[in-house]
Amino acid sequence: FDPKVRTITVGFRAGKDFKGPLPVAVSGTVTGGAN
């Protein structure tokens, strides 16, 4: 996606675009080191 392109063409391009459903928010935990 290029935000400089003002016109957004709506249409799925097979083999190039990412098919939904898609995660738009994720959470995670990180435990590192010996403790």
PDB file of all heavy atoms in Angstrom:
ATOM      1  N   PHE A   1       0.836  -1.205   0.000  1.00  0.00           N
ATOM      2  CA  PHE A   1       0.000   0.000   0.000  1.00  0.00           C
ATOM      3  C   PHE A   1       0.867   1.250   0.000  1.00  0.00           C
ATOM      4  O   PHE A   1       1.816   1.380   0.766  1.00  0.00           O
ATOM      5  CB  PHE A   1      -0.906  -0.004   1.225  1.00  0.00           C
ATOM      6  CG  PHE A   1      -1.609   1.303   1.466  1.00  0.00           C
ATOM      7  CD1 PHE A   1      -2.561   1.765   0.564  1.00  0.00           C
ATOM      8  CD2 PHE A   1      -1.308   2.071   2.579  1.00  0.00           C
ATOM      9  CE1 PHE A   1      -3.206   2.981   0.775  1.00  0.00           C
ATOM     10  CE2 PHE A   1      -1.954   3.275   2.804  1.00  0.00           C
ATOM     11  CZ  PHE A   1      -2.900   3.730   1.909  1.00  0.00           C
ATOM     12  N   ASP A   2       0.514   2.177  -0.884  1.00  0.00           N
ATOM     13  CA  ASP A   2       1.212   3.454  -0.990  1.00  0.00           C
ATOM     14  C   ASP A   2       0.240   4.572  -0.631  1.00  0.00           C
ATOM     15  O   ASP A   2      -0.703   4.842  -1.375  1.00  0.00           O
ATOM     16  CB  ASP A   2       1.743   3.652  -2.413  1.00  0.00           C
ATOM     17  CG  ASP A   2       2.594   4.917  -2.541  1.00  0.00           C
ATOM     18  OD1 ASP A   2       2.739   5.642  -1.538  1.00  0.00           O
ATOM     19  OD2 ASP A   2       3.104   5.173  -3.650  1.00  0.00           O
ATOM     20  N   PRO A   3       0.433   5.251   0.504  1.00  0.00           N
ATOM     21  CA  PRO A   3      -0.503   6.305   0.903  1.00  0.00           C
ATOM     22  C   PRO A   3      -0.492   7.512  -0.021  1.00  0.00           C
ATOM     23  O   PRO A   3      -1.414   8.331   0.023  1.00  0.00           O
ATOM     24  CB  PRO A   3      -0.012   6.686   2.308  1.00  0.00           C
ATOM     25  CG  PRO A   3       1.434   6.315   2.317  1.00  0.00           C
ATOM     26  CD  PRO A   3       1.544   5.095   1.453  1.00  0.00           C
ATOM     27  N   LYS A   4       0.511   7.619  -0.871  1.00  0.00           N
ATOM     28  CA  LYS A   4       0.575   8.765  -1.796  1.00  0.00           C
ATOM     29  C   LYS A   4      -0.422   8.624  -2.935  1.00  0.00           C
ATOM     30  O   LYS A   4      -0.758   9.609  -3.591  1.00  0.00           O
ATOM     31  CB  LYS A   4       1.994   8.899  -2.357  1.00  0.00           C
ATOM     32  CG  LYS A   4       3.041   9.219  -1.283  1.00  0.00           C
ATOM     33  CD  LYS A   4       4.429   9.316  -1.875  1.00  0.00           C
ATOM     34  CE  LYS A   4       5.476   9.597  -0.795  1.00  0.00           C
ATOM     35  NZ  LYS A   4       6.854   9.667  -1.366  1.00  0.00           N
ATOM     36  N   VAL A   5      -0.883   7.399  -3.176  1.00  0.00           N
ATOM     37  CA  VAL A   5      -1.881   7.173  -4.211  1.00  0.00           C
ATOM     38  C   VAL A   5      -3.247   7.520  -3.632  1.00  0.00           C
ATOM     39  O   VAL A   5      -3.749   6.842  -2.734  1.00  0.00           O
ATOM     40  CB  VAL A   5      -1.866   5.711  -4.701  1.00  0.00           C
ATOM     41  CG1 VAL A   5      -2.951   5.488  -5.752  1.00  0.00           C
ATOM     42  CG2 VAL A   5      -0.488   5.355  -5.253  1.00  0.00           C
ATOM     43  N   ARG A   6      -3.844   8.589  -4.106  1.00  0.00           N
ATOM     44  CA  ARG A   6      -5.082   9.087  -3.516  1.00  0.00           C
ATOM     45  C   ARG A   6      -6.273   8.168  -3.802  1.00  0.00           C
ATOM     46  O   ARG A   6      -7.173   8.034  -2.999  1.00  0.00           O
ATOM     47  CB  ARG A   6      -5.384  10.498  -4.030  1.00  0.00           C
ATOM     48  CG  ARG A   6      -4.336  11.521  -3.578  1.00  0.00           C
ATOM     49  CD  ARG A   6      -4.707  12.917  -4.052  1.00  0.00           C
ATOM     50  NE  ARG A   6      -3.750  13.905  -3.568  1.00  0.00           N
ATOM     51  CZ  ARG A   6      -3.823  14.512  -2.393  1.00  0.00           C
ATOM     52  NH1 ARG A   6      -4.819  14.241  -1.581  1.00  0.00           N
ATOM     53  NH2 ARG A   6      -2.925  15.399  -2.023  1.00  0.00           N
ATOM     54  N   THR A   7      -6.297   7.535  -4.965  1.00  0.00           N
ATOM     55  CA  THR A   7      -7.416   6.675  -5.337  1.00  0.00           C
ATOM     56  C   THR A   7      -7.090   5.232  -4.981  1.00  0.00           C
ATOM     57  O   THR A   7      -6.096   4.681  -5.453  1.00  0.00           O
ATOM     58  CB  THR A   7      -7.729   6.775  -6.845  1.00  0.00           C
ATOM     59  OG1 THR A   7      -7.995   8.140  -7.176  1.00  0.00           O
ATOM     60  CG2 THR A   7      -8.936   5.927  -7.193  1.00  0.00           C
ATOM     61  N   ILE A   8      -7.913   4.633  -4.152  1.00  0.00           N
ATOM     62  CA  ILE A   8      -7.710   3.245  -3.736  1.00  0.00           C
ATOM     63  C   ILE A   8      -8.645   2.358  -4.547  1.00  0.00           C
ATOM     64  O   ILE A   8      -9.868   2.505  -4.488  1.00  0.00           O
ATOM     65  CB  ILE A   8      -7.980   3.072  -2.233  1.00  0.00           C
ATOM     66  CG1 ILE A   8      -7.034   3.956  -1.421  1.00  0.00           C
ATOM     67  CG2 ILE A   8      -7.836   1.613  -1.828  1.00  0.00           C
ATOM     68  CD1 ILE A   8      -7.307   3.941   0.064  1.00  0.00           C
ATOM     69  N   THR A   9      -8.079   1.469  -5.329  1.00  0.00           N
ATOM     70  CA  THR A   9      -8.864   0.553  -6.141  1.00  0.00           C
ATOM     71  C   THR A   9      -9.328  -0.617  -5.285  1.00  0.00           C
ATOM     72  O   THR A   9      -8.510  -1.370  -4.741  1.00  0.00           O
ATOM     73  CB  THR A   9      -8.038   0.029  -7.331  1.00  0.00           C
ATOM     74  OG1 THR A   9      -7.554   1.131  -8.096  1.00  0.00           O
ATOM     75  CG2 THR A   9      -8.888  -0.866  -8.209  1.00  0.00           C
ATOM     76  N   VAL A  10     -10.653  -0.724  -5.126  1.00  0.00           N
ATOM     77  CA  VAL A  10     -11.218  -1.797  -4.311  1.00  0.00           C
ATOM     78  C   VAL A  10     -11.385  -3.029  -5.181  1.00  0.00           C
ATOM     79  O   VAL A  10     -12.133  -3.019  -6.156  1.00  0.00           O
ATOM     80  CB  VAL A  10     -12.569  -1.363  -3.707  1.00  0.00           C
ATOM     81  CG1 VAL A  10     -13.186  -2.522  -2.929  1.00  0.00           C
ATOM     82  CG2 VAL A  10     -12.379  -0.148  -2.813  1.00  0.00           C
ATOM     83  N   GLY A  11     -10.690  -4.082  -4.839  1.00  0.00           N
ATOM     84  CA  GLY A  11     -10.761  -5.330  -5.591  1.00  0.00           C
ATOM     85  C   GLY A  11      -9.635  -6.250  -5.180  1.00  0.00           C
ATOM     86  O   GLY A  11      -8.464  -5.840  -5.178  1.00  0.00           O
ATOM     87  N   PHE A  12      -9.973  -7.468  -4.813  1.00  0.00           N
ATOM     88  CA  PHE A  12      -8.970  -8.417  -4.330  1.00  0.00           C
ATOM     89  C   PHE A  12      -8.153  -8.949  -5.497  1.00  0.00           C
ATOM     90  O   PHE A  12      -8.698  -9.380  -6.525  1.00  0.00           O
ATOM     91  CB  PHE A  12      -9.654  -9.570  -3.597  1.00  0.00           C
ATOM     92  CG  PHE A  12      -8.706 -10.638  -3.142  1.00  0.00           C
ATOM     93  CD1 PHE A  12      -7.821 -10.400  -2.103  1.00  0.00           C
ATOM     94  CD2 PHE A  12      -8.699 -11.887  -3.750  1.00  0.00           C
ATOM     95  CE1 PHE A  12      -6.947 -11.381  -1.664  1.00  0.00           C
ATOM     96  CE2 PHE A  12      -7.834 -12.875  -3.320  1.00  0.00           C
ATOM     97  CZ  PHE A  12      -6.953 -12.625  -2.273  1.00  0.00           C
ATOM     98  N   ARG A  13      -6.822  -8.946  -5.330  1.00  0.00           N
ATOM     99  CA  ARG A  13      -5.912  -9.459  -6.349  1.00  0.00           C
ATOM    100  C   ARG A  13      -5.339 -10.787  -5.859  1.00  0.00           C
ATOM    101  O   ARG A  13      -4.485 -10.818  -4.971  1.00  0.00           O
ATOM    102  CB  ARG A  13      -4.797  -8.458  -6.613  1.00  0.00           C
ATOM    103  CG  ARG A  13      -5.284  -7.108  -7.144  1.00  0.00           C
ATOM    104  CD  ARG A  13      -4.173  -6.072  -7.156  1.00  0.00           C
ATOM    105  NE  ARG A  13      -3.705  -5.782  -5.812  1.00  0.00           N
ATOM    106  CZ  ARG A  13      -2.707  -4.909  -5.541  1.00  0.00           C
ATOM    107  NH1 ARG A  13      -2.100  -4.265  -6.522  1.00  0.00           N
ATOM    108  NH2 ARG A  13      -2.337  -4.717  -4.296  1.00  0.00           N
ATOM    109  N   ALA A  14      -5.842 -11.863  -6.415  1.00  0.00           N
ATOM    110  CA  ALA A  14      -5.413 -13.201  -6.003  1.00  0.00           C
ATOM    111  C   ALA A  14      -3.917 -13.384  -6.233  1.00  0.00           C
ATOM    112  O   ALA A  14      -3.377 -12.985  -7.264  1.00  0.00           O
ATOM    113  CB  ALA A  14      -6.197 -14.263  -6.767  1.00  0.00           C
ATOM    114  N   GLY A  15      -3.245 -13.974  -5.238  1.00  0.00           N
ATOM    115  CA  GLY A  15      -1.818 -14.225  -5.346  1.00  0.00           C
ATOM    116  C   GLY A  15      -0.962 -13.053  -4.912  1.00  0.00           C
ATOM    117  O   GLY A  15       0.263 -13.192  -4.811  1.00  0.00           O
ATOM    118  N   LYS A  16      -1.587 -11.882  -4.651  1.00  0.00           N
ATOM    119  CA  LYS A  16      -0.811 -10.711  -4.250  1.00  0.00           C
ATOM    120  C   LYS A  16      -1.308 -10.140  -2.923  1.00  0.00           C
ATOM    121  O   LYS A  16      -0.513  -9.889  -2.020  1.00  0.00           O
ATOM    122  CB  LYS A  16      -0.870  -9.640  -5.327  1.00  0.00           C
ATOM    123  CG  LYS A  16       0.030  -8.439  -5.030  1.00  0.00           C
ATOM    124  CD  LYS A  16       0.065  -7.467  -6.200  1.00  0.00           C
ATOM    125  CE  LYS A  16       1.040  -6.327  -5.902  1.00  0.00           C
ATOM    126  NZ  LYS A  16       1.108  -5.346  -7.025  1.00  0.00           N
ATOM    127  N   ASP A  17      -2.613  -9.921  -2.831  1.00  0.00           N
ATOM    128  CA  ASP A  17      -3.182  -9.347  -1.606  1.00  0.00           C
ATOM    129  C   ASP A  17      -3.364 -10.425  -0.539  1.00  0.00           C
ATOM    130  O   ASP A  17      -3.344 -11.625  -0.824  1.00  0.00           O
ATOM    131  CB  ASP A  17      -4.523  -8.670  -1.907  1.00  0.00           C
ATOM    132  CG  ASP A  17      -4.357  -7.437  -2.794  1.00  0.00           C
ATOM    133  OD1 ASP A  17      -3.267  -6.843  -2.769  1.00  0.00           O
ATOM    134  OD2 ASP A  17      -5.313  -7.105  -3.515  1.00  0.00           O
ATOM    135  N   PHE A  18      -3.573  -9.969   0.694  1.00  0.00           N
ATOM    136  CA  PHE A  18      -3.741 -10.875   1.840  1.00  0.00           C
ATOM    137  C   PHE A  18      -5.233 -11.115   2.068  1.00  0.00           C
ATOM    138  O   PHE A  18      -5.999 -10.171   2.268  1.00  0.00           O
ATOM    139  CB  PHE A  18      -3.112 -10.277   3.104  1.00  0.00           C
ATOM    140  CG  PHE A  18      -1.661  -9.906   2.932  1.00  0.00           C
ATOM    141  CD1 PHE A  18      -1.288  -8.573   2.774  1.00  0.00           C
ATOM    142  CD2 PHE A  18      -0.675 -10.872   2.921  1.00  0.00           C
ATOM    143  CE1 PHE A  18       0.039  -8.218   2.627  1.00  0.00           C
ATOM    144  CE2 PHE A  18       0.666 -10.528   2.760  1.00  0.00           C
ATOM    145  CZ  PHE A  18       1.023  -9.199   2.609  1.00  0.00           C
ATOM    146  N   LYS A  19      -5.642 -12.380   2.039  1.00  0.00           N
ATOM    147  CA  LYS A  19      -7.046 -12.723   2.184  1.00  0.00           C
ATOM    148  C   LYS A  19      -7.445 -12.757   3.660  1.00  0.00           C
ATOM    149  O   LYS A  19      -6.729 -13.288   4.498  1.00  0.00           O
ATOM    150  CB  LYS A  19      -7.309 -14.086   1.532  1.00  0.00           C
ATOM    151  CG  LYS A  19      -8.759 -14.555   1.624  1.00  0.00           C
ATOM    152  CD  LYS A  19      -9.710 -13.619   0.900  1.00  0.00           C
ATOM    153  CE  LYS A  19     -11.151 -14.112   0.989  1.00  0.00           C
ATOM    154  NZ  LYS A  19     -12.114 -13.123   0.479  1.00  0.00           N
ATOM    155  N   GLY A  20      -8.630 -12.171   3.964  1.00  0.00           N
ATOM    156  CA  GLY A  20      -9.127 -12.141   5.335  1.00  0.00           C
ATOM    157  C   GLY A  20      -9.755 -13.448   5.766  1.00  0.00           C
ATOM    158  O   GLY A  20      -9.929 -14.355   4.941  1.00  0.00           O
ATOM    159  N   PRO A  21     -10.113 -13.583   7.051  1.00  0.00           N
ATOM    160  CA  PRO A  21      -9.988 -12.561   8.103  1.00  0.00           C
ATOM    161  C   PRO A  21      -8.541 -12.298   8.493  1.00  0.00           C
ATOM    162  O   PRO A  21      -7.698 -13.195   8.429  1.00  0.00           O
ATOM    163  CB  PRO A  21     -10.776 -13.168   9.270  1.00  0.00           C
ATOM    164  CG  PRO A  21     -10.808 -14.640   9.023  1.00  0.00           C
ATOM    165  CD  PRO A  21     -10.765 -14.823   7.548  1.00  0.00           C
ATOM    166  N   LEU A  22      -8.285 -11.043   8.916  1.00  0.00           N
ATOM    167  CA  LEU A  22      -6.932 -10.593   9.208  1.00  0.00           C
ATOM    168  C   LEU A  22      -6.854 -10.021  10.620  1.00  0.00           C
ATOM    169  O   LEU A  22      -7.714  -9.229  11.016  1.00  0.00           O
ATOM    170  CB  LEU A  22      -6.499  -9.514   8.202  1.00  0.00           C
ATOM    171  CG  LEU A  22      -6.478  -9.923   6.727  1.00  0.00           C
ATOM    172  CD1 LEU A  22      -6.315  -8.692   5.845  1.00  0.00           C
ATOM    173  CD2 LEU A  22      -5.333 -10.903   6.483  1.00  0.00           C
ATOM    174  N   PRO A  23      -5.799 -10.347  11.372  1.00  0.00           N
ATOM    175  CA  PRO A  23      -5.605  -9.731  12.694  1.00  0.00           C
ATOM    176  C   PRO A  23      -5.183  -8.270  12.532  1.00  0.00           C
ATOM    177  O   PRO A  23      -4.242  -7.974  11.782  1.00  0.00           O
ATOM    178  CB  PRO A  23      -4.486 -10.560  13.326  1.00  0.00           C
ATOM    179  CG  PRO A  23      -4.367 -11.792  12.482  1.00  0.00           C
ATOM    180  CD  PRO A  23      -4.798 -11.406  11.108  1.00  0.00           C
ATOM    181  N   VAL A  24      -5.849  -7.379  13.222  1.00  0.00           N
ATOM    182  CA  VAL A  24      -5.478  -5.954  13.180  1.00  0.00           C
ATOM    183  C   VAL A  24      -5.031  -5.459  14.554  1.00  0.00           C
ATOM    184  O   VAL A  24      -4.629  -4.304  14.697  1.00  0.00           O
ATOM    185  CB  VAL A  24      -6.642  -5.087  12.660  1.00  0.00           C
ATOM    186  CG1 VAL A  24      -6.895  -5.364  11.182  1.00  0.00           C
ATOM    187  CG2 VAL A  24      -7.909  -5.314  13.474  1.00  0.00           C
ATOM    188  N   ALA A  25      -5.099  -6.324  15.549  1.00  0.00           N
ATOM    189  CA  ALA A  25      -4.579  -6.011  16.888  1.00  0.00           C
ATOM    190  C   ALA A  25      -4.159  -7.307  17.551  1.00  0.00           C
ATOM    191  O   ALA A  25      -4.893  -8.302  17.507  1.00  0.00           O
ATOM    192  CB  ALA A  25      -5.630  -5.296  17.736  1.00  0.00           C
ATOM    193  N   VAL A  26      -2.979  -7.307  18.140  1.00  0.00           N
ATOM    194  CA  VAL A  26      -2.446  -8.504  18.792  1.00  0.00           C
ATOM    195  C   VAL A  26      -1.849  -8.116  20.144  1.00  0.00           C
ATOM    196  O   VAL A  26      -1.474  -6.966  20.371  1.00  0.00           O
ATOM    197  CB  VAL A  26      -1.369  -9.207  17.934  1.00  0.00           C
ATOM    198  CG1 VAL A  26      -1.955  -9.706  16.631  1.00  0.00           C
ATOM    199  CG2 VAL A  26      -0.209  -8.256  17.663  1.00  0.00           C
ATOM    200  N   SER A  27      -1.774  -9.084  21.035  1.00  0.00           N
ATOM    201  CA  SER A  27      -1.117  -8.877  22.324  1.00  0.00           C
ATOM    202  C   SER A  27      -0.102  -9.975  22.532  1.00  0.00           C
ATOM    203  O   SER A  27      -0.166 -11.038  21.889  1.00  0.00           O
ATOM    204  CB  SER A  27      -2.142  -8.885  23.462  1.00  0.00           C
ATOM    205  OG  SER A  27      -2.750 -10.161  23.571  1.00  0.00           O
ATOM    206  N   GLY A  28       0.834  -9.730  23.433  1.00  0.00           N
ATOM    207  CA  GLY A  28       1.850 -10.736  23.680  1.00  0.00           C
ATOM    208  C   GLY A  28       2.559 -10.525  24.999  1.00  0.00           C
ATOM    209  O   GLY A  28       2.517  -9.447  25.590  1.00  0.00           O
ATOM    210  N   THR A  29       3.188 -11.601  25.476  1.00  0.00           N
ATOM    211  CA  THR A  29       4.012 -11.538  26.670  1.00  0.00           C
ATOM    212  C   THR A  29       5.416 -11.991  26.322  1.00  0.00           C
ATOM    213  O   THR A  29       5.619 -12.833  25.444  1.00  0.00           O
ATOM    214  CB  THR A  29       3.442 -12.420  27.793  1.00  0.00           C
ATOM    215  OG1 THR A  29       3.373 -13.782  27.330  1.00  0.00           O
ATOM    216  CG2 THR A  29       2.042 -11.953  28.181  1.00  0.00           C
ATOM    217  N   VAL A  30       6.389 -11.413  27.023  1.00  0.00           N
ATOM    218  CA  VAL A  30       7.794 -11.722  26.774  1.00  0.00           C
ATOM    219  C   VAL A  30       8.458 -12.051  28.101  1.00  0.00           C
ATOM    220  O   VAL A  30       8.433 -11.238  29.040  1.00  0.00           O
ATOM    221  CB  VAL A  30       8.521 -10.535  26.117  1.00  0.00           C
ATOM    222  CG1 VAL A  30       9.993 -10.863  25.896  1.00  0.00           C
ATOM    223  CG2 VAL A  30       7.864 -10.164  24.792  1.00  0.00           C
ATOM    224  N   THR A  31       9.021 -13.229  28.206  1.00  0.00           N
ATOM    225  CA  THR A  31       9.816 -13.606  29.370  1.00  0.00           C
ATOM    226  C   THR A  31      11.202 -13.949  28.872  1.00  0.00           C
ATOM    227  O   THR A  31      11.370 -14.835  28.034  1.00  0.00           O
ATOM    228  CB  THR A  31       9.210 -14.811  30.108  1.00  0.00           C
ATOM    229  OG1 THR A  31       9.047 -15.891  29.192  1.00  0.00           O
ATOM    230  CG2 THR A  31       7.862 -14.443  30.695  1.00  0.00           C
ATOM    231  N   GLY A  32      12.178 -13.233  29.356  1.00  0.00           N
ATOM    232  CA  GLY A  32      13.545 -13.445  28.865  1.00  0.00           C
ATOM    233  C   GLY A  32      14.521 -13.635  30.002  1.00  0.00           C
ATOM    234  O   GLY A  32      14.254 -13.318  31.160  1.00  0.00           O
ATOM    235  N   GLY A  33      15.678 -14.176  29.680  1.00  0.00           N
ATOM    236  CA  GLY A  33      16.727 -14.346  30.669  1.00  0.00           C
ATOM    237  C   GLY A  33      16.466 -15.518  31.592  1.00  0.00           C
ATOM    238  O   GLY A  33      15.586 -16.347  31.390  1.00  0.00           O
ATOM    239  N   ALA A  34      17.242 -15.557  32.673  1.00  0.00           N
ATOM    240  CA  ALA A  34      17.142 -16.666  33.606  1.00  0.00           C
ATOM    241  C   ALA A  34      15.898 -16.571  34.481  1.00  0.00           C
ATOM    242  O   ALA A  34      15.351 -17.588  34.892  1.00  0.00           O
ATOM    243  CB  ALA A  34      18.397 -16.705  34.491  1.00  0.00           C
ATOM    244  N   ASN A  35      15.444 -15.345  34.749  1.00  0.00           N
ATOM    245  CA  ASN A  35      14.278 -15.158  35.623  1.00  0.00           C
ATOM    246  C   ASN A  35      13.008 -15.154  34.790  1.00  0.00           C
ATOM    247  O   ASN A  35      12.614 -14.137  34.228  1.00  0.00           O
ATOM    248  CB  ASN A  35      14.414 -13.842  36.396  1.00  0.00           C
ATOM    249  CG  ASN A  35      13.373 -13.716  37.499  1.00  0.00           C
ATOM    250  OD1 ASN A  35      12.472 -14.546  37.616  1.00  0.00           O
ATOM    251  ND2 ASN A  35      13.508 -12.678  38.307  1.00  0.00           N
TER     252      ASN A  35
END
